[in-house]
Amino acid sequence: MSSDRHAYLFASLNDKPPRTTRQVHIRRLYDILQLSIQRDDFVRARRAWSILVRCKDINWKRMWKFGLLLLGEHAEGTPEDNDRRLEYLRIMMLQNPDNVISSLSLAWFS
């Protein structure tokens, strides 16, 4: 494989080919996140998520569903865990209301 061609497992966030080494690393980290979720390796998925949301190149508000999924996967179903998930959803709705409301309405009514 040449150095200018990279194979990725999942569609990227913006589907543009990466131009810099940083973008290549971010794409690979996104693949790790997706693969870890599919393999139920939520410890590794949380690590990948925590790095991705700190990258200035990533619009983490568009990826809020990953955060909710990872927040709920280690939860025991206690009231405190439910409070954390509700607080997360409240914050996401305040920061990005159109995306969250349309996603939630699609999930509830389909």
N, C-alpha and C. Protein backbone atom coordinates (compact mmCIF):
# COMPACT_ATOMS: atom_id res chain seq x y z
N MET A 1 0.85 -1.17 0.00
CA MET A 1 0.00 0.00 0.00
C MET A 1 0.90 1.23 0.00
N SER A 2 0.63 2.15 -0.87
CA SER A 2 1.43 3.36 -0.93
C SER A 2 1.10 4.27 0.24
N SER A 3 1.96 5.22 0.48
CA SER A 3 1.78 6.11 1.63
C SER A 3 0.64 7.10 1.44
N ASP A 4 0.20 7.32 0.20
CA ASP A 4 -0.87 8.29 -0.03
C ASP A 4 -2.26 7.63 -0.08
N ARG A 5 -2.31 6.31 0.02
CA ARG A 5 -3.60 5.60 0.02
C ARG A 5 -3.75 4.86 1.34
N HIS A 6 -4.89 5.03 1.95
CA HIS A 6 -5.17 4.39 3.23
C HIS A 6 -6.52 3.68 3.13
N ALA A 7 -6.59 2.51 3.72
CA ALA A 7 -7.85 1.77 3.77
C ALA A 7 -8.49 1.99 5.13
N TYR A 8 -9.75 2.34 5.14
CA TYR A 8 -10.49 2.57 6.38
C TYR A 8 -11.67 1.63 6.41
N LEU A 9 -12.04 1.22 7.59
CA LEU A 9 -13.13 0.26 7.75
C LEU A 9 -14.50 0.90 7.64
N PHE A 10 -14.64 2.12 8.14
CA PHE A 10 -15.95 2.76 8.23
C PHE A 10 -15.93 4.08 7.50
N ALA A 11 -17.12 4.51 7.08
CA ALA A 11 -17.24 5.82 6.47
C ALA A 11 -16.86 6.88 7.49
N SER A 12 -16.16 7.86 7.05
CA SER A 12 -15.69 8.90 7.95
C SER A 12 -16.78 9.89 8.27
N LEU A 13 -16.42 10.82 9.11
CA LEU A 13 -17.36 11.85 9.52
C LEU A 13 -17.69 12.80 8.38
N ASN A 14 -16.71 13.09 7.53
CA ASN A 14 -16.96 14.01 6.43
C ASN A 14 -16.68 13.38 5.07
N ASP A 15 -16.25 12.13 5.04
CA ASP A 15 -16.00 11.35 3.83
C ASP A 15 -15.00 12.00 2.87
N LYS A 16 -14.19 12.89 3.35
CA LYS A 16 -13.13 13.45 2.53
C LYS A 16 -11.85 12.67 2.80
N PRO A 17 -11.05 12.43 1.77
CA PRO A 17 -9.79 11.73 2.03
C PRO A 17 -8.87 12.60 2.89
N PRO A 18 -8.23 12.00 3.87
CA PRO A 18 -7.35 12.80 4.74
C PRO A 18 -6.14 13.30 3.98
N ARG A 19 -5.75 14.53 4.29
CA ARG A 19 -4.60 15.13 3.62
C ARG A 19 -3.37 15.20 4.50
N THR A 20 -3.57 15.16 5.79
CA THR A 20 -2.44 15.29 6.70
C THR A 20 -2.34 14.03 7.57
N THR A 21 -1.21 13.88 8.21
CA THR A 21 -1.01 12.76 9.11
C THR A 21 -2.00 12.81 10.27
N ARG A 22 -2.29 14.00 10.74
CA ARG A 22 -3.26 14.16 11.82
C ARG A 22 -4.63 13.64 11.40
N GLN A 23 -5.05 13.96 10.19
CA GLN A 23 -6.34 13.50 9.71
C GLN A 23 -6.36 11.98 9.53
N VAL A 24 -5.24 11.40 9.13
CA VAL A 24 -5.14 9.94 9.02
C VAL A 24 -5.31 9.31 10.39
N HIS A 25 -4.66 9.86 11.40
CA HIS A 25 -4.78 9.33 12.76
C HIS A 25 -6.21 9.46 13.28
N ILE A 26 -6.86 10.58 13.00
CA ILE A 26 -8.23 10.77 13.44
C ILE A 26 -9.15 9.76 12.76
N ARG A 27 -8.96 9.53 11.48
CA ARG A 27 -9.77 8.52 10.77
C ARG A 27 -9.57 7.14 11.36
N ARG A 28 -8.33 6.79 11.68
CA ARG A 28 -8.06 5.48 12.28
C ARG A 28 -8.66 5.38 13.68
N LEU A 29 -8.62 6.46 14.41
CA LEU A 29 -9.22 6.47 15.74
C LEU A 29 -10.73 6.31 15.64
N TYR A 30 -11.34 6.91 14.65
CA TYR A 30 -12.76 6.74 14.41
C TYR A 30 -13.07 5.27 14.09
N ASP A 31 -12.22 4.63 13.28
CA ASP A 31 -12.38 3.20 13.00
C ASP A 31 -12.28 2.38 14.28
N ILE A 32 -11.33 2.73 15.14
CA ILE A 32 -11.19 2.01 16.41
C ILE A 32 -12.44 2.17 17.26
N LEU A 33 -13.00 3.37 17.29
CA LEU A 33 -14.23 3.62 18.03
C LEU A 33 -15.35 2.73 17.51
N GLN A 34 -15.57 2.73 16.21
CA GLN A 34 -16.64 1.94 15.61
C GLN A 34 -16.44 0.44 15.84
N LEU A 35 -15.22 -0.03 15.62
CA LEU A 35 -14.93 -1.45 15.78
C LEU A 35 -15.07 -1.88 17.23
N SER A 36 -14.63 -1.05 18.15
CA SER A 36 -14.74 -1.38 19.57
C SER A 36 -16.20 -1.47 20.00
N ILE A 37 -17.03 -0.59 19.50
CA ILE A 37 -18.46 -0.64 19.82
C ILE A 37 -19.06 -1.93 19.28
N GLN A 38 -18.72 -2.29 18.06
CA GLN A 38 -19.27 -3.50 17.47
C GLN A 38 -18.80 -4.76 18.19
N ARG A 39 -17.61 -4.72 18.77
CA ARG A 39 -17.08 -5.88 19.51
C ARG A 39 -17.43 -5.83 20.99
N ASP A 40 -18.24 -4.89 21.39
CA ASP A 40 -18.62 -4.70 22.80
C ASP A 40 -17.42 -4.46 23.70
N ASP A 41 -16.39 -3.83 23.17
CA ASP A 41 -15.21 -3.44 23.94
C ASP A 41 -15.38 -1.96 24.30
N PHE A 42 -16.23 -1.70 25.30
CA PHE A 42 -16.59 -0.33 25.61
C PHE A 42 -15.51 0.42 26.36
N VAL A 43 -14.59 -0.28 26.97
CA VAL A 43 -13.45 0.40 27.61
C VAL A 43 -12.60 1.07 26.54
N ARG A 44 -12.28 0.33 25.50
CA ARG A 44 -11.48 0.89 24.40
C ARG A 44 -12.28 1.95 23.63
N ALA A 45 -13.57 1.72 23.45
CA ALA A 45 -14.41 2.69 22.75
C ALA A 45 -14.46 4.01 23.51
N ARG A 46 -14.56 3.94 24.85
CA ARG A 46 -14.57 5.17 25.65
C ARG A 46 -13.25 5.92 25.53
N ARG A 47 -12.14 5.18 25.49
CA ARG A 47 -10.84 5.84 25.32
C ARG A 47 -10.76 6.55 23.97
N ALA A 48 -11.19 5.86 22.92
CA ALA A 48 -11.17 6.47 21.58
C ALA A 48 -12.08 7.68 21.54
N TRP A 49 -13.27 7.57 22.13
CA TRP A 49 -14.23 8.68 22.17
C TRP A 49 -13.64 9.87 22.92
N SER A 50 -12.98 9.62 24.04
CA SER A 50 -12.44 10.73 24.83
C SER A 50 -11.35 11.46 24.07
N ILE A 51 -10.62 10.77 23.23
CA ILE A 51 -9.60 11.44 22.41
C ILE A 51 -10.27 12.21 21.27
N LEU A 52 -11.22 11.58 20.61
CA LEU A 52 -11.88 12.23 19.48
C LEU A 52 -12.58 13.52 19.86
N VAL A 53 -13.26 13.53 21.00
CA VAL A 53 -14.01 14.74 21.36
C VAL A 53 -13.09 15.89 21.73
N ARG A 54 -11.84 15.60 22.00
CA ARG A 54 -10.88 16.67 22.30
C ARG A 54 -10.22 17.23 21.05
N CYS A 55 -10.39 16.57 19.91
CA CYS A 55 -9.78 17.04 18.66
C CYS A 55 -10.58 18.21 18.11
N LYS A 56 -9.88 19.26 17.78
CA LYS A 56 -10.57 20.44 17.25
C LYS A 56 -11.15 20.18 15.86
N ASP A 57 -10.67 19.14 15.18
CA ASP A 57 -11.16 18.82 13.83
C ASP A 57 -12.50 18.09 13.85
N ILE A 58 -12.91 17.62 15.01
CA ILE A 58 -14.12 16.80 15.13
C ILE A 58 -15.25 17.65 15.68
N ASN A 59 -16.39 17.58 15.04
CA ASN A 59 -17.60 18.22 15.55
C ASN A 59 -18.31 17.20 16.42
N TRP A 60 -17.96 17.15 17.68
CA TRP A 60 -18.49 16.13 18.58
C TRP A 60 -19.98 16.30 18.83
N LYS A 61 -20.51 17.48 18.57
CA LYS A 61 -21.94 17.69 18.76
C LYS A 61 -22.74 16.87 17.75
N ARG A 62 -22.17 16.63 16.58
CA ARG A 62 -22.83 15.78 15.60
C ARG A 62 -22.73 14.31 15.97
N MET A 63 -21.81 13.96 16.85
CA MET A 63 -21.58 12.58 17.24
C MET A 63 -22.13 12.30 18.64
N TRP A 64 -23.10 13.04 19.09
CA TRP A 64 -23.59 12.93 20.45
C TRP A 64 -24.16 11.55 20.76
N LYS A 65 -24.61 10.82 19.75
CA LYS A 65 -25.19 9.50 19.99
C LYS A 65 -24.14 8.52 20.52
N PHE A 66 -22.90 8.66 20.06
CA PHE A 66 -21.83 7.81 20.59
C PHE A 66 -21.66 8.04 22.08
N GLY A 67 -21.67 9.28 22.48
CA GLY A 67 -21.51 9.60 23.90
C GLY A 67 -22.62 9.01 24.74
N LEU A 68 -23.84 9.09 24.25
CA LEU A 68 -24.98 8.53 24.98
C LEU A 68 -24.87 7.01 25.06
N LEU A 69 -24.48 6.39 23.97
CA LEU A 69 -24.29 4.94 23.97
C LEU A 69 -23.23 4.51 24.97
N LEU A 70 -22.09 5.19 24.94
CA LEU A 70 -21.00 4.82 25.84
C LEU A 70 -21.32 5.14 27.29
N LEU A 71 -22.09 6.16 27.51
CA LEU A 71 -22.50 6.50 28.87
C LEU A 71 -23.45 5.45 29.43
N GLY A 72 -24.26 4.87 28.58
CA GLY A 72 -25.22 3.88 29.03
C GLY A 72 -24.69 2.46 29.11
N GLU A 73 -23.59 2.17 28.46
CA GLU A 73 -23.10 0.80 28.42
C GLU A 73 -22.51 0.30 29.72
N HIS A 74 -21.95 1.16 30.51
CA HIS A 74 -21.38 0.70 31.78
C HIS A 74 -22.35 0.88 32.94
N ALA A 75 -23.49 1.43 32.62
CA ALA A 75 -24.45 1.75 33.68
C ALA A 75 -25.11 0.49 34.23
N GLU A 76 -25.41 0.53 35.49
CA GLU A 76 -26.06 -0.58 36.17
C GLU A 76 -27.58 -0.41 36.21
N GLY A 77 -28.08 0.68 35.70
CA GLY A 77 -29.52 0.93 35.74
C GLY A 77 -29.96 1.59 37.03
N THR A 78 -29.01 2.14 37.76
CA THR A 78 -29.35 2.82 39.00
C THR A 78 -29.91 4.20 38.68
N PRO A 79 -30.62 4.80 39.62
CA PRO A 79 -31.14 6.16 39.38
C PRO A 79 -30.03 7.17 39.07
N GLU A 80 -28.85 7.00 39.66
CA GLU A 80 -27.74 7.92 39.39
C GLU A 80 -27.30 7.82 37.93
N ASP A 81 -27.25 6.58 37.40
CA ASP A 81 -26.87 6.39 36.00
C ASP A 81 -27.90 7.01 35.07
N ASN A 82 -29.16 6.84 35.40
CA ASN A 82 -30.21 7.45 34.59
C ASN A 82 -30.14 8.97 34.66
N ASP A 83 -29.81 9.49 35.82
CA ASP A 83 -29.66 10.95 35.96
C ASP A 83 -28.52 11.46 35.09
N ARG A 84 -27.42 10.70 35.03
CA ARG A 84 -26.28 11.11 34.19
C ARG A 84 -26.67 11.12 32.73
N ARG A 85 -27.40 10.11 32.28
CA ARG A 85 -27.83 10.06 30.88
C ARG A 85 -28.80 11.19 30.55
N LEU A 86 -29.74 11.45 31.46
CA LEU A 86 -30.68 12.55 31.24
C LEU A 86 -29.98 13.90 31.22
N GLU A 87 -29.00 14.07 32.09
CA GLU A 87 -28.23 15.32 32.10
C GLU A 87 -27.45 15.49 30.80
N TYR A 88 -26.87 14.40 30.31
CA TYR A 88 -26.15 14.44 29.03
C TYR A 88 -27.10 14.83 27.90
N LEU A 89 -28.28 14.20 27.86
CA LEU A 89 -29.26 14.54 26.82
C LEU A 89 -29.71 16.00 26.94
N ARG A 90 -29.89 16.47 28.16
CA ARG A 90 -30.30 17.87 28.36
C ARG A 90 -29.25 18.82 27.80
N ILE A 91 -27.98 18.54 28.09
CA ILE A 91 -26.90 19.39 27.60
C ILE A 91 -26.83 19.34 26.07
N MET A 92 -26.98 18.15 25.50
CA MET A 92 -26.94 18.04 24.04
C MET A 92 -28.11 18.78 23.40
N MET A 93 -29.29 18.71 24.03
CA MET A 93 -30.44 19.42 23.48
C MET A 93 -30.26 20.93 23.56
N LEU A 94 -29.60 21.41 24.59
CA LEU A 94 -29.34 22.85 24.69
C LEU A 94 -28.32 23.31 23.65
N GLN A 95 -27.34 22.46 23.35
CA GLN A 95 -26.28 22.85 22.43
C GLN A 95 -26.62 22.58 20.97
N ASN A 96 -27.45 21.58 20.72
CA ASN A 96 -27.75 21.20 19.35
C ASN A 96 -29.19 20.68 19.27
N PRO A 97 -30.18 21.53 19.50
CA PRO A 97 -31.56 21.06 19.66
C PRO A 97 -32.15 20.40 18.42
N ASP A 98 -31.89 20.93 17.24
CA ASP A 98 -32.51 20.38 16.04
C ASP A 98 -32.08 18.94 15.79
N ASN A 99 -30.79 18.67 15.92
CA ASN A 99 -30.27 17.33 15.68
C ASN A 99 -30.80 16.33 16.69
N VAL A 100 -30.80 16.70 17.96
CA VAL A 100 -31.23 15.78 19.01
C VAL A 100 -32.73 15.51 18.92
N ILE A 101 -33.52 16.54 18.75
CA ILE A 101 -34.98 16.36 18.70
C ILE A 101 -35.38 15.53 17.49
N SER A 102 -34.78 15.79 16.34
CA SER A 102 -35.15 15.00 15.15
C SER A 102 -34.71 13.55 15.31
N SER A 103 -33.57 13.30 15.91
CA SER A 103 -33.11 11.92 16.12
C SER A 103 -33.99 11.19 17.13
N LEU A 104 -34.34 11.87 18.22
CA LEU A 104 -35.19 11.24 19.22
C LEU A 104 -36.58 10.97 18.69
N SER A 105 -37.13 11.89 17.90
CA SER A 105 -38.48 11.67 17.38
C SER A 105 -38.48 10.52 16.37
N LEU A 106 -37.42 10.38 15.59
CA LEU A 106 -37.33 9.26 14.67
C LEU A 106 -37.24 7.94 15.44
N ALA A 107 -36.50 7.93 16.54
CA ALA A 107 -36.34 6.70 17.32
C ALA A 107 -37.64 6.32 18.02
N TRP A 108 -38.39 7.28 18.50
CA TRP A 108 -39.61 6.99 19.25
C TRP A 108 -40.77 6.59 18.33
N PHE A 109 -40.85 7.20 17.16
CA PHE A 109 -42.02 6.98 16.32
C PHE A 109 -41.77 6.02 15.18
N SER A 110 -40.63 5.34 15.17
CA SER A 110 -40.42 4.37 14.08
C SER A 110 -40.56 2.96 14.57
